[in-house]
Protein backbone atom coordinates (compact mmCIF):
# COMPACT_ATOMS: atom_id res chain seq x y z
CA MET A 1 12.15 23.51 38.68
CA ASN A 2 15.60 23.68 37.07
CA LYS A 3 14.10 22.14 33.93
CA TYR A 4 11.60 24.98 33.54
CA ILE A 5 14.18 27.65 34.31
CA THR A 6 16.47 26.21 31.63
CA LEU A 7 13.66 26.05 29.09
CA SER A 8 12.69 29.65 29.84
CA LEU A 9 16.26 30.81 29.28
CA LEU A 10 16.38 28.87 26.03
CA GLY A 11 13.16 30.54 24.98
CA LEU A 12 14.55 34.00 25.67
CA ALA A 13 17.72 33.25 23.72
CA ALA A 14 15.76 31.92 20.76
CA LEU A 15 13.41 34.90 20.82
CA ALA A 16 16.32 37.33 20.72
CA SER A 17 17.36 35.78 17.43
CA HIS A 18 13.85 35.70 15.93
CA ALA A 19 12.14 38.88 17.11
CA GLN A 20 10.80 39.51 13.62
CA ASP A 21 8.62 36.42 13.96
CA PHE A 22 7.13 37.01 17.42
CA ASP A 23 6.20 40.58 18.38
CA SER A 24 6.35 39.63 22.06
CA LYS A 25 7.62 36.66 24.02
CA PRO A 26 5.19 33.76 23.34
CA THR A 27 3.11 32.84 26.38
CA LEU A 28 2.97 29.12 25.69
CA GLU A 29 6.31 27.29 25.64
CA LEU A 30 6.78 23.52 25.72
CA GLY A 31 10.08 21.74 25.79
CA ASN A 32 12.04 18.59 26.36
CA LYS A 33 15.37 19.27 28.03
CA GLU A 34 16.70 15.78 27.30
CA GLN A 35 15.97 16.11 23.60
CA ASP A 36 17.03 19.79 23.52
CA VAL A 37 13.73 20.72 21.83
CA LYS A 38 11.49 23.74 22.46
CA PHE A 39 8.09 24.46 20.93
CA THR A 40 6.22 27.78 21.14
CA ILE A 41 2.82 29.01 20.04
CA GLY A 42 1.45 32.53 19.86
CA ALA A 43 -1.32 34.54 18.22
CA ARG A 44 -2.10 38.08 17.05
CA MET A 45 -5.31 39.95 16.31
CA MET A 46 -5.84 43.43 14.82
CA THR A 47 -9.20 45.18 14.48
CA ASP A 48 -9.33 48.53 12.65
CA ALA A 49 -11.94 51.23 12.23
CA ALA A 50 -11.58 54.05 9.70
CA TYR A 51 -13.40 57.16 8.54
CA TYR A 52 -12.46 58.65 5.15
CA HIS A 53 -13.34 61.93 3.47
CA SER A 54 -12.45 62.35 -0.21
CA ASP A 55 -13.02 65.11 -2.77
CA PHE A 56 -14.83 62.98 -5.35
CA THR A 57 -14.13 59.24 -5.52
CA PRO A 58 -15.86 57.63 -2.51
CA MET A 59 -14.02 55.47 -0.01
CA HIS A 60 -15.80 53.01 2.27
CA SER A 61 -15.57 53.95 5.94
CA GLY A 62 -16.17 51.18 8.46
CA ALA A 63 -14.47 48.53 10.55
CA ALA A 64 -12.65 45.31 9.70
CA LEU A 65 -10.83 42.43 11.30
CA THR A 66 -7.61 43.21 9.45
CA ASP A 67 -5.38 40.49 10.86
CA ALA A 68 -5.76 37.30 12.86
CA ARG A 69 -3.05 34.67 12.92
CA ILE A 70 -1.53 31.70 14.70
CA ARG A 71 2.27 31.54 14.99
CA THR A 72 4.33 28.51 15.94
CA SER A 73 8.01 27.65 16.17
CA MET A 74 10.29 24.77 17.09
CA THR A 75 13.93 25.01 18.14
CA TYR A 76 16.32 22.05 18.13
CA ARG A 77 19.93 22.89 18.90
CA ASN A 78 21.02 25.26 16.10
CA TRP A 79 17.91 24.60 14.02
CA TYR A 80 14.84 26.83 14.06
CA PHE A 81 11.51 26.24 12.29
CA TYR A 82 8.79 28.89 12.12
CA ALA A 83 5.27 28.82 10.65
CA ASP A 84 2.75 31.64 10.61
CA PHE A 85 -0.82 31.33 9.28
CA GLY A 86 -3.36 34.15 8.95
CA PHE A 87 -7.17 34.11 9.13
CA GLY A 88 -7.94 37.82 8.79
CA LYS A 89 -10.49 39.25 6.34
CA GLY A 90 -12.39 35.99 6.30
CA LYS A 91 -9.83 33.91 4.41
CA PHE A 92 -6.86 31.65 5.07
CA ASP A 93 -3.52 33.21 4.22
CA GLN A 94 -0.08 31.65 4.48
CA LYS A 95 2.48 33.97 6.03
CA ASN A 96 6.10 33.18 6.91
CA ILE A 97 7.20 29.56 6.91
CA PHE A 98 10.89 28.70 6.95
CA LEU A 99 13.73 26.60 8.34
CA GLN A 100 16.91 28.26 9.62
CA TYR A 101 20.29 26.98 10.78
CA ALA A 102 22.41 29.43 12.78
CA VAL A 103 25.79 29.31 14.55
CA LYS A 104 27.95 31.86 16.35
CA ASP A 105 31.65 32.23 15.63
CA LYS A 106 34.44 33.00 18.12
CA HIS A 107 34.16 36.72 17.36
CA GLU A 108 30.48 36.85 18.47
CA GLY A 109 29.27 36.99 14.88
CA ASN A 110 26.13 35.08 13.96
CA HIS A 111 25.90 33.08 10.69
CA ALA A 112 22.43 32.00 9.56
CA VAL A 113 21.17 30.11 6.51
CA LYS A 114 17.42 30.28 5.92
CA VAL A 115 15.20 28.45 3.39
CA GLY A 116 11.47 28.92 2.92
CA TYR A 117 8.87 31.63 2.40
CA TYR A 118 9.57 34.97 4.09
CA THR A 119 10.28 38.65 3.39
CA ASP A 120 12.87 39.49 0.76
CA PRO A 121 15.90 41.17 2.45
CA ALA A 122 15.65 44.08 -0.02
CA GLY A 123 11.92 44.41 0.58
CA SER A 124 12.57 47.55 2.69
CA MET A 125 13.24 48.17 6.38
CA ALA A 126 9.50 48.75 6.87
CA ARG A 127 8.57 45.42 5.29
CA LEU A 128 11.12 43.60 7.46
CA THR A 129 9.55 45.08 10.59
CA SER A 130 6.64 43.00 11.86
CA LEU A 131 3.38 44.95 11.62
CA GLY A 132 2.72 44.09 15.27
CA SER A 133 5.89 46.00 16.20
CA TYR A 134 5.26 48.91 13.86
CA HIS A 135 4.56 52.35 15.35
CA PHE A 136 1.90 53.23 12.75
CA ILE A 137 -1.32 51.47 11.72
CA SER A 138 0.11 50.90 8.23
CA ARG A 139 3.59 50.75 6.83
CA ALA A 140 4.54 53.76 4.71
CA GLY A 141 2.99 53.82 1.23
CA ALA A 142 6.34 53.90 -0.58
CA ALA A 143 7.39 50.67 1.14
CA ASN A 144 4.15 48.97 0.08
CA ALA A 145 4.20 50.23 -3.52
CA LEU A 146 7.92 49.89 -4.28
CA GLY A 147 9.08 47.32 -1.74
CA THR A 148 8.86 43.55 -1.96
CA GLY A 149 7.03 41.20 0.37
CA ARG A 150 7.37 37.49 1.03
CA GLU A 151 9.04 35.23 -1.52
CA LEU A 152 10.25 31.64 -1.70
CA GLY A 153 14.03 31.52 -1.47
CA ALA A 154 17.25 30.85 0.36
CA THR A 155 19.45 33.41 2.16
CA TYR A 156 22.65 33.77 4.13
CA LYS A 157 22.92 36.41 6.85
CA TYR A 158 25.91 37.51 8.91
CA THR A 159 25.35 39.72 11.94
CA ASN A 160 27.54 41.17 14.66
CA LYS A 161 27.26 44.25 16.85
CA HIS A 162 28.12 46.69 14.07
CA VAL A 163 27.30 44.92 10.78
CA THR A 164 24.43 43.05 9.11
CA ALA A 165 24.92 41.46 5.69
CA TYR A 166 21.81 39.69 4.40
CA GLN A 167 21.54 38.31 0.84
CA GLY A 168 19.84 35.54 -1.11
CA VAL A 169 18.06 34.23 -4.19
CA PHE A 170 14.27 33.93 -4.65
CA ALA A 171 11.62 32.54 -6.99
CA GLU A 172 8.99 34.83 -8.51
CA ASN A 173 6.05 32.61 -7.54
CA GLN A 174 6.19 30.37 -4.46
CA TYR A 175 3.94 27.71 -6.04
CA ASN A 176 5.32 27.95 -9.61
CA LYS A 177 1.78 28.68 -10.83
CA VAL A 178 2.20 30.67 -14.03
CA ASP A 179 -0.20 30.83 -16.98
CA ALA A 180 2.67 30.89 -19.48
CA GLY A 181 6.47 31.08 -19.43
CA ILE A 182 8.63 29.92 -16.55
CA ASN A 183 9.03 30.99 -12.93
CA GLY A 184 11.11 34.16 -12.66
CA VAL A 185 14.07 34.60 -10.32
CA SER A 186 15.56 37.41 -8.25
CA VAL A 187 18.71 38.09 -6.24
CA ALA A 188 18.60 40.56 -3.39
CA GLY A 189 20.61 41.89 -0.49
CA ARG A 190 20.55 44.31 2.43
CA TRP A 191 23.68 45.63 4.11
CA VAL A 192 23.65 47.67 7.33
CA VAL A 193 26.39 49.26 9.43
CA ARG A 194 25.92 50.54 12.98
CA PRO A 195 28.44 53.27 13.91
CA ILE A 196 26.63 53.57 17.26
CA SER A 197 25.38 50.40 18.90
CA THR A 198 24.72 50.48 22.65
CA ALA A 199 21.88 49.38 24.90
CA ASP A 200 20.51 52.96 24.98
CA GLN A 201 20.97 54.18 21.41
CA THR A 202 21.63 52.99 17.88
CA LEU A 203 22.59 54.66 14.63
CA HIS A 204 22.26 52.48 11.58
CA LEU A 205 22.87 53.21 7.89
CA GLY A 206 21.88 50.76 5.19
CA LEU A 207 21.72 49.96 1.51
CA ASN A 208 19.64 47.36 -0.31
CA MET A 209 19.51 46.17 -3.92
CA ARG A 210 17.43 43.68 -5.87
CA TYR A 211 17.50 42.38 -9.44
CA ALA A 212 14.58 40.34 -10.76
CA HIS A 213 13.99 38.64 -14.09
CA LEU A 214 10.25 38.21 -14.55
CA GLY A 215 9.19 34.85 -15.95
CA GLY A 216 5.46 34.21 -15.81
CA GLY A 217 2.89 35.87 -18.06
CA GLU A 218 0.12 35.20 -20.56
CA THR A 219 0.04 34.24 -24.23
CA TYR A 220 -1.01 37.18 -26.44
CA ASN A 221 -1.04 36.72 -30.23
CA ASN A 222 1.40 33.81 -29.82
CA VAL A 223 3.77 36.03 -27.82
CA LEU A 224 4.60 35.75 -24.10
CA LYS A 225 3.31 38.94 -22.49
CA LYS A 226 4.69 39.64 -19.02
CA SER A 227 3.22 42.35 -16.78
CA LEU A 228 4.13 43.94 -13.48
CA SER A 229 1.62 45.66 -11.18
CA LEU A 230 2.66 48.30 -8.63
CA GLY A 231 0.40 50.03 -6.15
CA GLN A 232 -0.54 50.96 -2.62
CA SER A 233 -3.66 51.64 -0.62
CA LEU A 234 -3.87 54.98 1.17
CA GLU A 235 -1.99 53.53 4.17
CA THR A 236 -5.07 51.74 5.47
CA TYR A 237 -6.45 48.19 5.71
CA VAL A 238 -10.18 48.93 6.03
CA ASP A 239 -10.59 50.13 2.42
CA GLU A 240 -7.59 48.89 0.44
CA ASN A 241 -8.59 50.65 -2.79
CA GLN A 242 -5.43 51.21 -4.86
CA ASP A 243 -7.03 53.37 -7.59
CA PHE A 244 -5.30 56.51 -6.32
CA SER A 245 -1.79 55.05 -6.65
CA SER A 246 -1.26 52.08 -8.96
CA CYS A 247 -0.18 51.02 -12.44
CA THR A 248 0.23 47.90 -14.56
CA LEU A 249 3.31 47.73 -16.78
CA ASP A 250 2.83 45.50 -19.83
CA TRP A 251 5.84 43.81 -21.44
CA ALA A 252 7.89 44.16 -18.22
CA ASN A 253 11.02 42.02 -18.37
CA ASN A 254 13.48 42.94 -15.61
CA THR A 255 13.36 45.10 -12.50
CA PHE A 256 16.20 46.67 -10.55
CA ASP A 257 15.57 48.15 -7.12
CA VAL A 258 17.95 50.20 -5.01
CA GLY A 259 17.22 51.68 -1.60
CA ALA A 260 18.94 53.59 1.17
CA GLU A 261 17.87 53.68 4.81
CA ALA A 262 18.84 55.33 8.10
CA LEU A 263 17.66 54.89 11.67
CA TYR A 264 18.51 56.49 15.01
CA HIS A 265 16.99 55.96 18.44
CA ASN A 266 17.74 56.67 22.06
CA LYS A 267 15.65 55.88 25.12
CA ARG A 268 12.78 58.27 24.29
CA PHE A 269 13.11 59.25 20.64
CA PHE A 270 13.44 57.56 17.26
CA VAL A 271 13.71 58.74 13.67
CA ARG A 272 14.04 56.53 10.62
CA GLY A 273 13.57 56.78 6.90
CA GLU A 274 14.05 55.15 3.52
CA TYR A 275 14.40 56.13 -0.11
CA ARG A 276 13.55 53.63 -2.87
CA HIS A 277 14.01 53.67 -6.64
CA LYS A 278 12.60 51.06 -9.03
CA LEU A 279 13.67 50.63 -12.66
CA VAL A 280 11.56 48.43 -14.97
CA THR A 281 12.83 47.33 -18.38
CA LYS A 282 10.53 46.13 -21.19
CA LYS A 283 10.85 43.49 -23.91
CA ARG A 284 8.53 42.04 -26.58
CA ASP A 285 8.51 40.24 -29.92
CA SER A 286 7.46 43.27 -32.02
CA LYS A 287 7.75 41.47 -35.38
CA THR A 288 5.24 38.76 -34.45
CA LEU A 289 2.83 41.30 -32.99
CA PHE A 290 3.14 43.49 -36.09
CA GLU A 291 2.37 40.57 -38.37
CA ALA A 292 -0.67 39.69 -36.28
CA SER A 293 -1.90 43.30 -36.52
CA ASN A 294 -1.89 43.10 -40.33
CA ASP A 295 -4.69 40.53 -40.33
CA ASN A 296 -7.35 43.25 -40.76
CA ILE A 297 -8.12 46.29 -42.89
CA ASP A 298 -6.26 48.70 -40.59
CA THR A 299 -2.49 48.23 -40.82
CA TRP A 300 0.59 50.29 -40.08
CA GLY A 301 2.25 49.12 -43.29
CA THR A 302 5.76 48.71 -41.92
CA LEU A 303 7.28 47.31 -38.73
CA SER A 304 9.03 50.62 -37.97
CA ALA A 305 5.70 52.50 -38.21
CA TRP A 306 4.06 49.99 -35.86
CA GLU A 307 6.93 50.31 -33.35
CA ALA A 308 6.70 54.11 -33.49
CA ALA A 309 3.00 53.90 -32.68
CA ASN A 310 3.56 51.35 -29.89
CA PRO A 311 6.71 52.60 -28.13
CA LEU A 312 8.48 50.79 -25.31
CA ARG A 313 10.83 52.38 -22.80
CA THR A 314 12.30 51.74 -19.40
CA ASN A 315 10.25 53.19 -16.54
CA HIS A 316 11.53 54.80 -13.34
CA PHE A 317 9.60 55.19 -10.08
CA ASN A 318 10.71 56.43 -6.67
CA GLY A 319 9.45 57.11 -3.18
CA GLY A 320 10.46 57.42 0.42
CA TYR A 321 9.38 58.31 3.92
CA VAL A 322 10.58 59.75 7.24
CA GLU A 323 9.08 58.61 10.55
CA ALA A 324 9.66 59.90 14.08
CA GLY A 325 8.36 59.03 17.52
CA PHE A 326 8.62 60.31 21.09
CA LEU A 327 7.96 58.11 24.12
CA ILE A 328 6.01 60.03 26.78
CA PHE A 329 6.35 57.19 29.26
CA GLY A 330 7.16 53.49 29.20
CA SER A 331 10.09 51.15 28.65
CA PRO A 332 12.82 52.69 26.45
CA TYR A 333 12.91 52.04 22.72
CA HIS A 334 14.91 48.96 21.82
CA TYR A 335 16.65 47.81 18.65
CA ASP A 336 16.76 44.28 17.24
CA THR A 337 20.34 43.81 16.07
CA ASN A 338 19.69 40.48 14.39
CA GLU A 339 16.91 41.89 12.16
CA ALA A 340 18.30 45.47 12.05
CA VAL A 341 14.92 47.03 12.86
CA LEU A 342 13.37 49.03 15.69
CA GLY A 343 11.27 47.03 18.13
CA GLY A 344 7.73 47.79 19.25
CA LEU A 345 6.35 49.08 22.55
CA LYS A 346 7.03 46.93 25.61
CA GLY A 347 4.70 47.01 28.59
CA LYS A 348 2.66 50.04 29.62
CA ALA A 349 3.64 52.96 27.38
CA LEU A 350 2.39 56.08 25.59
CA GLU A 351 3.98 57.59 22.50
CA VAL A 352 3.30 60.18 19.81
CA VAL A 353 4.46 59.59 16.22
CA ALA A 354 4.56 61.46 12.91
CA ARG A 355 5.38 60.49 9.31
CA TYR A 356 5.78 62.00 5.87
CA ASN A 357 5.61 59.67 2.84
CA TYR A 358 5.99 60.25 -0.88
CA THR A 359 5.09 57.63 -3.50
CA GLY A 360 5.79 58.45 -7.15
CA LEU A 361 4.16 56.17 -9.72
CA ASN A 362 3.95 58.81 -12.45
CA ASP A 363 6.50 58.49 -15.27
CA ILE A 364 5.09 60.86 -17.88
CA ASN A 365 6.92 62.13 -20.93
CA LYS A 366 7.02 65.90 -21.20
CA GLY A 367 4.37 67.39 -23.51
CA LYS A 368 2.04 64.38 -23.50
CA TYR A 369 -1.72 64.82 -23.63
CA PHE A 370 -3.99 62.71 -21.44
CA SER A 371 -7.62 61.91 -22.16
CA ALA A 372 -9.42 61.01 -18.93
CA GLY A 373 -12.37 59.68 -20.96
CA ARG A 374 -10.15 57.16 -22.75
CA ASN A 375 -7.62 56.77 -19.92
CA GLN A 376 -4.85 57.21 -22.49
CA TYR A 377 -1.84 59.42 -23.11
CA TYR A 378 -1.10 60.73 -26.62
CA PRO A 379 2.48 61.40 -27.76
CA ASP A 380 1.99 64.60 -29.81
CA GLY A 381 0.35 66.76 -27.16
CA TYR A 382 -3.22 66.37 -28.42
CA MET A 383 -5.83 63.66 -28.96
CA ALA A 384 -5.38 61.83 -32.27
CA ASP A 385 -8.08 59.99 -34.17
CA TYR A 386 -5.82 57.05 -34.79
CA PRO A 387 -4.91 55.49 -31.40
CA TYR A 388 -1.21 56.16 -31.14
CA ASN A 389 0.06 54.76 -27.87
CA SER A 390 2.38 56.55 -25.45
CA SER A 391 5.07 55.17 -23.17
CA SER A 392 3.91 57.48 -20.35
CA VAL A 393 2.69 55.89 -17.11
CA GLY A 394 0.22 57.78 -14.91
CA GLY A 395 0.12 55.63 -11.79
CA GLY A 396 -0.25 58.66 -9.52
CA ASN A 397 1.88 60.60 -7.07
CA VAL A 398 0.81 60.73 -3.42
CA ASN A 399 2.12 62.86 -0.55
CA SER A 400 0.92 61.61 2.85
CA PHE A 401 1.21 63.27 6.27
CA THR A 402 0.39 61.21 9.38
CA VAL A 403 0.24 61.94 13.10
CA GLY A 404 -0.53 59.26 15.65
CA LEU A 405 -0.94 58.37 19.31
CA ASN A 406 -0.24 54.87 20.61
CA TYR A 407 -1.06 53.52 24.07
CA SER A 408 0.07 50.11 25.26
CA PHE A 409 -1.86 48.73 28.25
CA ASN A 410 0.66 45.93 28.79
CA LYS A 411 2.87 43.65 26.72
CA TYR A 412 -0.20 42.05 25.13
CA ALA A 413 -2.76 44.80 24.38
CA GLN A 414 -2.38 48.12 22.54
CA VAL A 415 -4.58 50.80 20.96
CA MET A 416 -3.49 53.11 18.12
CA LEU A 417 -4.97 56.28 16.64
CA ASN A 418 -3.78 57.80 13.30
CA TYR A 419 -4.86 60.79 11.23
CA THR A 420 -3.51 61.01 7.67
CA LEU A 421 -3.81 63.73 5.04
CA HIS A 422 -3.17 62.52 1.48
CA LYS A 423 -2.45 64.87 -1.43
CA VAL A 424 -3.16 63.01 -4.68
CA ASP A 425 -1.92 63.79 -8.21
CA LYS A 426 -3.32 61.37 -10.79
CA ASP A 427 -4.47 62.37 -14.28
CA PHE A 428 -7.22 59.73 -14.42
CA LEU A 429 -8.76 61.14 -11.18
CA PRO A 430 -8.59 64.91 -11.82
CA TYR A 431 -11.22 65.77 -9.18
CA ASP A 432 -9.42 63.95 -6.35
CA LYS A 433 -6.80 66.17 -4.72
CA THR A 434 -7.19 65.73 -0.96
CA ILE A 435 -8.21 62.68 1.07
CA HIS A 436 -8.49 62.54 4.86
CA ALA A 437 -8.33 59.35 6.92
CA LEU A 438 -8.94 58.91 10.65
CA GLN A 439 -8.14 55.41 11.87
CA ALA A 440 -8.08 53.44 15.12
CA ARG A 441 -6.74 49.99 15.92
CA VAL A 442 -7.00 47.50 18.75
CA LEU A 443 -4.05 45.10 18.76
CA PHE A 444 -3.71 41.96 20.88
CA SER A 445 -0.64 39.74 20.65
CA PHE A 446 0.68 36.88 22.77
């Protein structure tokens, strides 16, 4: 009996340090007290249904198994291994997989070194919150479009009651599979302070930054051409069409991301939000491309004329969101100090939530003319016979307003209902201004 009590306590202690990985305490725990080893296994399933109404471009209403996964972990003394594999949408998908070593110091601070494949610390507060613990069916659009997901890397994190400092270095591609060039690299960090940190309420303020040098690309006219794609669905997983908010940036070279975040909760209320800004620099071998363009009857004559007709400039994009929730009944809201995120519903509970999100993927020079038929901007304010290019980017701006109702039957099963109104501004889709989405989810996690 004492053996199982000890193993249960070890499981609770380990879970407190790794709440991002398991949304709830895993049901199955196996351990060997003599060897100081504990093994856990859990699973999660999400099934969504959605109805959409758009002005012009059709979206596909229906239902989908949006997530199904098996999650395992092993703890040995100060070592922790976690692996998470998904089977949703009819395909195998590798999720988090990492090894971590953590120790506490005499001042109750926790030091952790992690190596593997997991979410970038500057990926955004929303991205660092497990979707099974999120209070909306989808993370905010700005976090999906401008944030960063899982990457292969190594990090160091220090956490105590009032501070979290989380930083590391990452590879651009976890399998080093690039068509041309070399694997890119990024450095990122997230730093949070908690002026208020009690069992009943938390106030946290944070900053995150990320620098990435892109490496992989394709060979184009004997020149390495690197591209970066940004985009989001309309905060849904049933139809993940990104046409309303997306862009591809050719000749991208470096990115710099900066974000600010704030969160407050008490027993019955929470509010949190983020602002994100992304800067993308460009680089190319213009001389080689110009020489290649001269191998036909149409030529610009000089390199400077070619560069004027094919301009490059740094692009800027921004976005952010504010979310709030009120707990009608159920266990009080709780905060995960180690991950610096708000936890999900625990046990039988009912809450109402609301969110406003803005995603800005338009970076259009003043006075430019756009031809929807050619999907091209022109620099002089009118369509030109000769195809001058423009440095404008029309990825689309989206304002989204969401209200939701969440009911948790117990610690394993939950249903969610969201209505979202999207206001779209994209030159290529001039007839799409308003899109409605009504969504429901059944979530099971153990």
